[in-house]
Amino acid sequence: MLTLALERADGVERVVLRCRIAAAFIPNETDATELLARLKPWFEREFEQTREAALKSIRSERRLHEIVFDRAHPGPF
């Protein structure tokens, strides 16, 4: 599980969320830097949808939004 803070390039907006990544997607020698390198292009593409979901979760559910990457939803893996 990773807790991430995403910020727009212009610094106007920042959101925090959690990513749960299935163990099958993480080789034994993988560190957080490698995972972030794989996640970055995906989050850049999905920033608006992710931002909206994260803000909604924080405001209405009072918890961090969680994105799960598994066999059903592999995302960038």
N, C-alpha and C. Protein backbone atom coordinates (compact mmCIF):
# COMPACT_ATOMS: atom_id res chain seq x y z
N MET A 1 0.84 -1.17 0.00
CA MET A 1 0.00 0.00 0.00
C MET A 1 0.89 1.23 0.00
N LEU A 2 0.54 2.19 -0.85
CA LEU A 2 1.25 3.47 -0.92
C LEU A 2 0.26 4.59 -0.64
N THR A 3 0.67 5.58 0.10
CA THR A 3 -0.11 6.80 0.27
C THR A 3 0.57 7.86 -0.57
N LEU A 4 -0.19 8.45 -1.48
CA LEU A 4 0.37 9.41 -2.43
C LEU A 4 -0.30 10.77 -2.31
N ALA A 5 0.48 11.80 -2.52
CA ALA A 5 -0.05 13.17 -2.64
C ALA A 5 0.20 13.59 -4.08
N LEU A 6 -0.86 13.92 -4.78
CA LEU A 6 -0.76 14.36 -6.16
C LEU A 6 -1.02 15.85 -6.22
N GLU A 7 -0.21 16.54 -7.00
CA GLU A 7 -0.34 17.99 -7.11
C GLU A 7 -0.28 18.39 -8.57
N ARG A 8 -1.16 19.30 -8.94
CA ARG A 8 -1.10 19.82 -10.31
C ARG A 8 0.22 20.53 -10.54
N ALA A 9 0.66 20.56 -11.79
CA ALA A 9 1.94 21.18 -12.13
C ALA A 9 2.00 22.64 -11.71
N ASP A 10 0.86 23.33 -11.77
CA ASP A 10 0.85 24.75 -11.39
C ASP A 10 0.71 24.94 -9.87
N GLY A 11 0.59 23.84 -9.13
CA GLY A 11 0.54 23.91 -7.68
C GLY A 11 -0.78 24.38 -7.10
N VAL A 12 -1.80 24.54 -7.93
CA VAL A 12 -3.08 25.07 -7.47
C VAL A 12 -3.84 24.05 -6.61
N GLU A 13 -3.68 22.78 -6.93
CA GLU A 13 -4.49 21.78 -6.25
C GLU A 13 -3.66 20.57 -5.86
N ARG A 14 -3.99 20.00 -4.70
CA ARG A 14 -3.28 18.83 -4.21
C ARG A 14 -4.30 17.89 -3.56
N VAL A 15 -4.19 16.59 -3.86
CA VAL A 15 -5.05 15.59 -3.24
C VAL A 15 -4.19 14.43 -2.74
N VAL A 16 -4.70 13.74 -1.74
CA VAL A 16 -4.00 12.60 -1.17
C VAL A 16 -4.89 11.37 -1.32
N LEU A 17 -4.27 10.24 -1.64
CA LEU A 17 -5.01 9.00 -1.81
C LEU A 17 -4.11 7.82 -1.50
N ARG A 18 -4.72 6.64 -1.47
CA ARG A 18 -3.96 5.40 -1.23
C ARG A 18 -4.05 4.51 -2.45
N CYS A 19 -2.97 3.79 -2.70
CA CYS A 19 -2.94 2.78 -3.76
C CYS A 19 -2.62 1.44 -3.13
N ARG A 20 -3.47 0.48 -3.41
CA ARG A 20 -3.22 -0.89 -2.95
C ARG A 20 -2.84 -1.68 -4.20
N ILE A 21 -1.63 -2.22 -4.20
CA ILE A 21 -1.10 -2.93 -5.37
C ILE A 21 -0.96 -4.40 -5.03
N ALA A 22 -1.55 -5.26 -5.86
CA ALA A 22 -1.48 -6.70 -5.64
C ALA A 22 -0.02 -7.15 -5.62
N ALA A 23 0.29 -8.05 -4.71
CA ALA A 23 1.66 -8.55 -4.57
C ALA A 23 2.18 -9.17 -5.86
N ALA A 24 1.30 -9.74 -6.66
CA ALA A 24 1.72 -10.38 -7.92
C ALA A 24 2.34 -9.37 -8.89
N PHE A 25 2.03 -8.09 -8.74
CA PHE A 25 2.55 -7.05 -9.62
C PHE A 25 3.89 -6.49 -9.15
N ILE A 26 4.33 -6.88 -7.98
CA ILE A 26 5.54 -6.29 -7.41
C ILE A 26 6.62 -7.37 -7.27
N PRO A 27 7.62 -7.34 -8.14
CA PRO A 27 8.73 -8.29 -7.98
C PRO A 27 9.46 -8.05 -6.65
N ASN A 28 10.12 -9.06 -6.15
CA ASN A 28 10.79 -8.99 -4.83
C ASN A 28 11.74 -7.82 -4.67
N GLU A 29 12.43 -7.44 -5.72
CA GLU A 29 13.48 -6.41 -5.63
C GLU A 29 12.96 -4.99 -5.88
N THR A 30 11.67 -4.83 -6.04
CA THR A 30 11.10 -3.53 -6.40
C THR A 30 11.06 -2.60 -5.19
N ASP A 31 11.47 -1.35 -5.40
CA ASP A 31 11.36 -0.35 -4.33
C ASP A 31 10.30 0.68 -4.71
N ALA A 32 10.03 1.59 -3.80
CA ALA A 32 8.97 2.58 -4.00
C ALA A 32 9.25 3.48 -5.21
N THR A 33 10.50 3.79 -5.47
CA THR A 33 10.85 4.64 -6.61
C THR A 33 10.44 3.99 -7.92
N GLU A 34 10.66 2.70 -8.03
CA GLU A 34 10.27 1.98 -9.25
C GLU A 34 8.75 1.94 -9.40
N LEU A 35 8.05 1.72 -8.30
CA LEU A 35 6.58 1.72 -8.36
C LEU A 35 6.06 3.08 -8.78
N LEU A 36 6.61 4.14 -8.22
CA LEU A 36 6.18 5.48 -8.57
C LEU A 36 6.44 5.79 -10.05
N ALA A 37 7.54 5.29 -10.58
CA ALA A 37 7.86 5.50 -12.00
C ALA A 37 6.81 4.83 -12.89
N ARG A 38 6.28 3.70 -12.47
CA ARG A 38 5.25 3.03 -13.24
C ARG A 38 3.90 3.70 -13.07
N LEU A 39 3.65 4.24 -11.89
CA LEU A 39 2.36 4.87 -11.62
C LEU A 39 2.24 6.27 -12.22
N LYS A 40 3.33 6.98 -12.33
CA LYS A 40 3.31 8.39 -12.75
C LYS A 40 2.56 8.62 -14.08
N PRO A 41 2.90 7.91 -15.17
CA PRO A 41 2.18 8.18 -16.42
C PRO A 41 0.68 7.86 -16.32
N TRP A 42 0.35 6.84 -15.55
CA TRP A 42 -1.06 6.48 -15.39
C TRP A 42 -1.80 7.60 -14.67
N PHE A 43 -1.22 8.12 -13.58
CA PHE A 43 -1.87 9.21 -12.85
C PHE A 43 -1.90 10.50 -13.65
N GLU A 44 -0.91 10.75 -14.47
CA GLU A 44 -0.95 11.94 -15.33
C GLU A 44 -2.13 11.87 -16.29
N ARG A 45 -2.37 10.69 -16.84
CA ARG A 45 -3.49 10.49 -17.77
C ARG A 45 -4.83 10.56 -17.05
N GLU A 46 -4.88 10.01 -15.85
CA GLU A 46 -6.13 9.88 -15.11
C GLU A 46 -6.29 10.94 -14.00
N PHE A 47 -5.53 12.03 -14.08
CA PHE A 47 -5.50 12.98 -12.98
C PHE A 47 -6.87 13.56 -12.65
N GLU A 48 -7.61 14.01 -13.62
CA GLU A 48 -8.90 14.67 -13.35
C GLU A 48 -9.88 13.72 -12.68
N GLN A 49 -10.01 12.50 -13.20
CA GLN A 49 -10.93 11.53 -12.61
C GLN A 49 -10.47 11.13 -11.20
N THR A 50 -9.17 10.97 -11.04
CA THR A 50 -8.62 10.61 -9.74
C THR A 50 -8.82 11.73 -8.74
N ARG A 51 -8.58 12.95 -9.17
CA ARG A 51 -8.77 14.12 -8.31
C ARG A 51 -10.21 14.22 -7.83
N GLU A 52 -11.15 14.09 -8.76
CA GLU A 52 -12.57 14.18 -8.41
C GLU A 52 -12.96 13.10 -7.42
N ALA A 53 -12.53 11.86 -7.66
CA ALA A 53 -12.86 10.75 -6.76
C ALA A 53 -12.23 10.96 -5.39
N ALA A 54 -10.99 11.44 -5.35
CA ALA A 54 -10.31 11.66 -4.07
C ALA A 54 -10.99 12.77 -3.27
N LEU A 55 -11.35 13.86 -3.94
CA LEU A 55 -12.03 14.96 -3.23
C LEU A 55 -13.39 14.52 -2.72
N LYS A 56 -14.13 13.77 -3.52
CA LYS A 56 -15.45 13.28 -3.10
C LYS A 56 -15.32 12.37 -1.89
N SER A 57 -14.34 11.48 -1.91
CA SER A 57 -14.13 10.55 -0.80
C SER A 57 -13.79 11.29 0.48
N ILE A 58 -12.92 12.27 0.38
CA ILE A 58 -12.52 13.03 1.57
C ILE A 58 -13.69 13.85 2.12
N ARG A 59 -14.44 14.49 1.23
CA ARG A 59 -15.54 15.36 1.68
C ARG A 59 -16.74 14.59 2.18
N SER A 60 -17.18 13.56 1.45
CA SER A 60 -18.42 12.89 1.82
C SER A 60 -18.22 11.68 2.72
N GLU A 61 -17.13 10.94 2.53
CA GLU A 61 -16.92 9.72 3.31
C GLU A 61 -15.92 9.93 4.44
N ARG A 62 -15.24 11.05 4.45
CA ARG A 62 -14.25 11.39 5.47
C ARG A 62 -13.11 10.36 5.56
N ARG A 63 -12.70 9.88 4.40
CA ARG A 63 -11.57 8.94 4.35
C ARG A 63 -10.83 9.14 3.03
N LEU A 64 -9.59 8.64 2.99
CA LEU A 64 -8.81 8.73 1.76
C LEU A 64 -9.38 7.81 0.69
N HIS A 65 -9.37 8.29 -0.51
CA HIS A 65 -9.76 7.46 -1.66
C HIS A 65 -8.71 6.37 -1.83
N GLU A 66 -9.17 5.16 -2.17
CA GLU A 66 -8.24 4.07 -2.37
C GLU A 66 -8.42 3.49 -3.76
N ILE A 67 -7.31 3.37 -4.48
CA ILE A 67 -7.30 2.75 -5.81
C ILE A 67 -6.62 1.40 -5.67
N VAL A 68 -7.29 0.36 -6.17
CA VAL A 68 -6.76 -0.99 -6.07
C VAL A 68 -6.30 -1.43 -7.46
N PHE A 69 -5.04 -1.85 -7.54
CA PHE A 69 -4.51 -2.43 -8.76
C PHE A 69 -4.37 -3.93 -8.53
N ASP A 70 -5.21 -4.71 -9.22
CA ASP A 70 -5.18 -6.16 -9.10
C ASP A 70 -5.46 -6.77 -10.47
N ARG A 71 -5.73 -8.05 -10.53
CA ARG A 71 -5.97 -8.71 -11.81
C ARG A 71 -7.16 -8.10 -12.56
N ALA A 72 -8.19 -7.73 -11.84
CA ALA A 72 -9.37 -7.15 -12.46
C ALA A 72 -9.14 -5.72 -12.95
N HIS A 73 -8.28 -4.99 -12.26
CA HIS A 73 -7.97 -3.59 -12.58
C HIS A 73 -6.46 -3.40 -12.53
N PRO A 74 -5.74 -3.84 -13.56
CA PRO A 74 -4.27 -3.80 -13.51
C PRO A 74 -3.65 -2.41 -13.64
N GLY A 75 -4.40 -1.44 -14.16
CA GLY A 75 -3.84 -0.09 -14.30
C GLY A 75 -2.53 -0.12 -15.08
N PRO A 76 -1.46 0.46 -14.53
CA PRO A 76 -0.19 0.50 -15.24
C PRO A 76 0.65 -0.77 -15.12
N PHE A 77 0.10 -1.79 -14.47
CA PHE A 77 0.86 -3.02 -14.27
C PHE A 77 0.37 -4.04 -15.24
